Each structure stands twice: as structure tokens, then as C-alpha cells.
Amino acid sequence: MAEIDKADLLREVRFHPYRLGCGPTFTLRLYAPPYGLCGDDAHLGYELSQCENGRTTVLFEGADFRPSPLHGWDSDQAISALMGFLTLRKGDTDAEYFEAYTITQATFRDTHAELLDVEVRARFGDA
């Protein structure tokens, strides 16, 4: 997996799926790949983090997402599509999909993913 260059931030989106003071907030950051946004092997870098009680935890980080060629790299549709993958829950896909999840990721999936998905769909529509 390619290294994410934090200097190439394309977009940052904050999600507040809970009432103020009643749960964590989430931040998704999209990064341009170091070799640019052109070419068949270009993929976005991303980081989804959770902030609760002043503590921030990175839930997912990668450089392996490629949005539809019909949508911009930093578009609402790209955000919606990526969050669709990051908020998958048991029953949404094969169990093997979750085999490499860390304890932190599994806890997020079981505790917050569904409500975060609802927030994303309300804000950006379906992927």
C-alpha cells in the first residue's frame, strides 16, 4: 500500500451522527496520491478517525480507493462511496471481509457504523 502524504489533503469532512455531547464525531480525510490523480493505477489516500472525550483514534487508513470515473476525486459521490465501504456491517457482505479487522475496527463496526452510514446518506445521498 502506498504511503499517504498528509501534505496532499484534497478534502476533509466531519460527521456528527450523535447529538452534541452524546457520542463520538468522525473525520474523513482524502489525500491525492504521490504520483498524481491520472493513470490507471491512481488511488486516493484516506483516513477515517473517531474523536471522543478529546481522544482521536484512527479507524481506517489506506491508499487503495478509486472512485467512479464519473465522479470527481473529492466529490460528494466519492465521499459517499468510500464511506459505504468503511461503514459495512455484518450481514452487508461476506464474513471474510472483516477477518483482518482490528479490535478497534470491529468495535466501531458494531457500535457506530450503522448510525454513521445514516448520517452520510442523509448528507450526501446513496453511494
C-alpha atoms as a PDB file:
ATOM      1  CA  MET A   1       0.000   0.000   0.000  1.00  0.00           C
ATOM      2  CA  ALA A   2       1.311   3.434  -0.913  1.00  0.00           C
ATOM      3  CA  GLU A   3       2.318   5.881   1.794  1.00  0.00           C
ATOM      4  CA  ILE A   4      -0.166   8.724   2.358  1.00  0.00           C
ATOM      5  CA  ASP A   5       1.360  12.184   2.020  1.00  0.00           C
ATOM      6  CA  LYS A   6      -0.551  14.317   4.507  1.00  0.00           C
ATOM      7  CA  ALA A   7       0.533  17.465   2.620  1.00  0.00           C
ATOM      8  CA  ASP A   8      -1.703  16.486  -0.304  1.00  0.00           C
ATOM      9  CA  LEU A   9      -5.026  16.876   1.505  1.00  0.00           C
ATOM     10  CA  LEU A  10      -7.867  17.113  -1.021  1.00  0.00           C
ATOM     11  CA  ARG A  11     -10.826  17.260   1.320  1.00  0.00           C
ATOM     12  CA  GLU A  12     -11.794  16.884   4.950  1.00  0.00           C
ATOM     13  CA  VAL A  13     -15.336  16.051   6.055  1.00  0.00           C
ATOM     14  CA  ARG A  14     -16.596  15.916   9.632  1.00  0.00           C
ATOM     15  CA  PHE A  15     -19.561  13.819  10.647  1.00  0.00           C
ATOM     16  CA  HIS A  16     -21.675  14.323  13.769  1.00  0.00           C
ATOM     17  CA  PRO A  17     -24.097  11.375  13.847  1.00  0.00           C
ATOM     18  CA  TYR A  18     -24.966  11.859  17.532  1.00  0.00           C
ATOM     19  CA  ARG A  19     -26.478  14.780  19.414  1.00  0.00           C
ATOM     20  CA  LEU A  20     -23.895  17.155  20.830  1.00  0.00           C
ATOM     21  CA  GLY A  21     -22.157  15.516  23.785  1.00  0.00           C
ATOM     22  CA  CYS A  22     -23.828  12.133  23.259  1.00  0.00           C
ATOM     23  CA  GLY A  23     -21.268  10.241  21.184  1.00  0.00           C
ATOM     24  CA  PRO A  24     -18.156  10.460  19.056  1.00  0.00           C
ATOM     25  CA  THR A  25     -17.582  12.572  15.970  1.00  0.00           C
ATOM     26  CA  PHE A  26     -15.798  11.284  12.871  1.00  0.00           C
ATOM     27  CA  THR A  27     -13.460  12.887  10.351  1.00  0.00           C
ATOM     28  CA  LEU A  28     -12.698  11.602   6.869  1.00  0.00           C
ATOM     29  CA  ARG A  29      -9.664  12.983   5.040  1.00  0.00           C
ATOM     30  CA  LEU A  30      -8.914  12.356   1.371  1.00  0.00           C
ATOM     31  CA  TYR A  31      -5.374  12.665   0.021  1.00  0.00           C
ATOM     32  CA  ALA A  32      -4.022  12.853  -3.508  1.00  0.00           C
ATOM     33  CA  PRO A  33      -1.669  10.001  -4.411  1.00  0.00           C
ATOM     34  CA  PRO A  34       2.028  10.969  -4.643  1.00  0.00           C
ATOM     35  CA  TYR A  35       2.099  10.204  -8.380  1.00  0.00           C
ATOM     36  CA  GLY A  36      -0.972  12.330  -9.185  1.00  0.00           C
ATOM     37  CA  LEU A  37      -4.605  11.705  -9.983  1.00  0.00           C
ATOM     38  CA  CYS A  38      -4.070  10.450 -13.536  1.00  0.00           C
ATOM     39  CA  GLY A  39      -3.424   6.949 -14.766  1.00  0.00           C
ATOM     40  CA  ASP A  40      -4.974   3.540 -14.310  1.00  0.00           C
ATOM     41  CA  ASP A  41      -3.174   2.873 -11.028  1.00  0.00           C
ATOM     42  CA  ALA A  42      -4.043   6.164  -9.279  1.00  0.00           C
ATOM     43  CA  HIS A  43      -5.877   5.670  -5.979  1.00  0.00           C
ATOM     44  CA  LEU A  44      -6.920   8.078  -3.246  1.00  0.00           C
ATOM     45  CA  GLY A  45      -5.415   8.024   0.181  1.00  0.00           C
ATOM     46  CA  TYR A  46      -7.880   8.253   3.064  1.00  0.00           C
ATOM     47  CA  GLU A  47      -8.077   8.329   6.820  1.00  0.00           C
ATOM     48  CA  LEU A  48     -11.205   7.917   8.937  1.00  0.00           C
ATOM     49  CA  SER A  49     -10.785   8.890  12.566  1.00  0.00           C
ATOM     50  CA  GLN A  50     -13.045   8.956  15.597  1.00  0.00           C
ATOM     51  CA  CYS A  51     -12.906  11.627  18.278  1.00  0.00           C
ATOM     52  CA  GLU A  52     -14.469  11.064  21.673  1.00  0.00           C
ATOM     53  CA  ASN A  53     -13.735  12.718  25.019  1.00  0.00           C
ATOM     54  CA  GLY A  54     -10.815  14.632  23.478  1.00  0.00           C
ATOM     55  CA  ARG A  55      -9.143  11.453  22.220  1.00  0.00           C
ATOM     56  CA  THR A  56      -8.704  10.790  18.488  1.00  0.00           C
ATOM     57  CA  THR A  57      -8.350   7.257  17.130  1.00  0.00           C
ATOM     58  CA  VAL A  58      -7.577   6.419  13.504  1.00  0.00           C
ATOM     59  CA  LEU A  59     -10.035   3.707  12.479  1.00  0.00           C
ATOM     60  CA  PHE A  60      -9.089   3.182   8.837  1.00  0.00           C
ATOM     61  CA  GLU A  61      -6.174   4.425   6.770  1.00  0.00           C
ATOM     62  CA  GLY A  62      -5.228   3.435   3.269  1.00  0.00           C
ATOM     63  CA  ALA A  63      -4.321   4.466  -0.247  1.00  0.00           C
ATOM     64  CA  ASP A  64      -6.414   1.941  -2.129  1.00  0.00           C
ATOM     65  CA  PHE A  65      -9.659   3.706  -3.048  1.00  0.00           C
ATOM     66  CA  ARG A  66     -10.603   4.696  -6.563  1.00  0.00           C
ATOM     67  CA  PRO A  67     -13.917   6.490  -7.079  1.00  0.00           C
ATOM     68  CA  SER A  68     -16.094   6.017 -10.121  1.00  0.00           C
ATOM     69  CA  PRO A  69     -14.666   7.675 -13.241  1.00  0.00           C
ATOM     70  CA  LEU A  70     -17.993   9.534 -13.437  1.00  0.00           C
ATOM     71  CA  HIS A  71     -17.236  11.474 -10.232  1.00  0.00           C
ATOM     72  CA  GLY A  72     -14.520  13.838  -9.093  1.00  0.00           C
ATOM     73  CA  TRP A  73     -11.818  12.590  -6.746  1.00  0.00           C
ATOM     74  CA  ASP A  74     -13.012  14.910  -3.974  1.00  0.00           C
ATOM     75  CA  SER A  75     -16.735  14.901  -4.835  1.00  0.00           C
ATOM     76  CA  ASP A  76     -19.644  14.192  -2.541  1.00  0.00           C
ATOM     77  CA  GLN A  77     -20.228  10.990  -4.546  1.00  0.00           C
ATOM     78  CA  ALA A  78     -16.649   9.815  -3.870  1.00  0.00           C
ATOM     79  CA  ILE A  79     -17.106  10.504  -0.149  1.00  0.00           C
ATOM     80  CA  SER A  80     -20.389   8.589  -0.129  1.00  0.00           C
ATOM     81  CA  ALA A  81     -18.907   5.612  -1.989  1.00  0.00           C
ATOM     82  CA  LEU A  82     -15.847   5.360   0.262  1.00  0.00           C
ATOM     83  CA  MET A  83     -17.922   5.695   3.426  1.00  0.00           C
ATOM     84  CA  GLY A  84     -20.171   2.945   2.076  1.00  0.00           C
ATOM     85  CA  PHE A  85     -17.197   0.576   2.353  1.00  0.00           C
ATOM     86  CA  LEU A  86     -15.934   1.908   5.676  1.00  0.00           C
ATOM     87  CA  THR A  87     -19.343   1.548   7.349  1.00  0.00           C
ATOM     88  CA  LEU A  88     -20.139  -2.002   6.215  1.00  0.00           C
ATOM     89  CA  ARG A  89     -21.627  -4.193   8.939  1.00  0.00           C
ATOM     90  CA  LYS A  90     -22.103  -7.897   9.486  1.00  0.00           C
ATOM     91  CA  GLY A  91     -24.679  -9.140   7.030  1.00  0.00           C
ATOM     92  CA  ASP A  92     -23.817  -6.455   4.439  1.00  0.00           C
ATOM     93  CA  THR A  93     -21.123  -8.626   2.866  1.00  0.00           C
ATOM     94  CA  ASP A  94     -19.268 -11.911   3.333  1.00  0.00           C
ATOM     95  CA  ALA A  95     -17.842 -12.564   6.795  1.00  0.00           C
ATOM     96  CA  GLU A  96     -14.351 -12.875   5.277  1.00  0.00           C
ATOM     97  CA  TYR A  97     -14.411  -9.127   4.583  1.00  0.00           C
ATOM     98  CA  PHE A  98     -13.985  -8.479   8.324  1.00  0.00           C
ATOM     99  CA  GLU A  99     -11.281 -11.092   9.058  1.00  0.00           C
ATOM    100  CA  ALA A 100      -8.448  -8.545   9.052  1.00  0.00           C
ATOM    101  CA  TYR A 101     -10.316  -6.008  11.203  1.00  0.00           C
ATOM    102  CA  THR A 102      -8.585  -4.924  14.382  1.00  0.00           C
ATOM    103  CA  ILE A 103     -10.447  -4.918  17.688  1.00  0.00           C
ATOM    104  CA  THR A 104     -10.875  -1.143  17.328  1.00  0.00           C
ATOM    105  CA  GLN A 105     -12.346  -1.516  13.828  1.00  0.00           C
ATOM    106  CA  ALA A 106     -14.704  -4.302  14.914  1.00  0.00           C
ATOM    107  CA  THR A 107     -15.885  -2.219  17.882  1.00  0.00           C
ATOM    108  CA  PHE A 108     -16.536   0.724  15.528  1.00  0.00           C
ATOM    109  CA  ARG A 109     -18.412  -1.568  13.108  1.00  0.00           C
ATOM    110  CA  ASP A 110     -20.610  -2.978  15.855  1.00  0.00           C
ATOM    111  CA  THR A 111     -21.179   0.294  17.727  1.00  0.00           C
ATOM    112  CA  HIS A 112     -21.121   3.284  15.363  1.00  0.00           C
ATOM    113  CA  ALA A 113     -21.023   2.194  11.693  1.00  0.00           C
ATOM    114  CA  GLU A 114     -24.777   1.992  11.199  1.00  0.00           C
ATOM    115  CA  LEU A 115     -25.541   5.450  12.563  1.00  0.00           C
ATOM    116  CA  LEU A 116     -22.559   6.953  10.724  1.00  0.00           C
ATOM    117  CA  ASP A 117     -23.854   5.398   7.495  1.00  0.00           C
ATOM    118  CA  VAL A 118     -27.248   7.010   8.110  1.00  0.00           C
ATOM    119  CA  GLU A 119     -25.519  10.397   8.623  1.00  0.00           C
ATOM    120  CA  VAL A 120     -23.520  10.003   5.391  1.00  0.00           C
ATOM    121  CA  ARG A 121     -26.615   9.042   3.367  1.00  0.00           C
ATOM    122  CA  ALA A 122     -28.609  11.948   4.823  1.00  0.00           C
ATOM    123  CA  ARG A 123     -25.842  14.364   3.884  1.00  0.00           C
ATOM    124  CA  PHE A 124     -24.609  13.026   0.534  1.00  0.00           C
ATOM    125  CA  GLY A 125     -27.224  10.532  -0.651  1.00  0.00           C
ATOM    126  CA  ASP A 126     -26.658   6.912  -1.561  1.00  0.00           C
ATOM    127  CA  ALA A 127     -23.308   5.804  -2.973  1.00  0.00           C
END
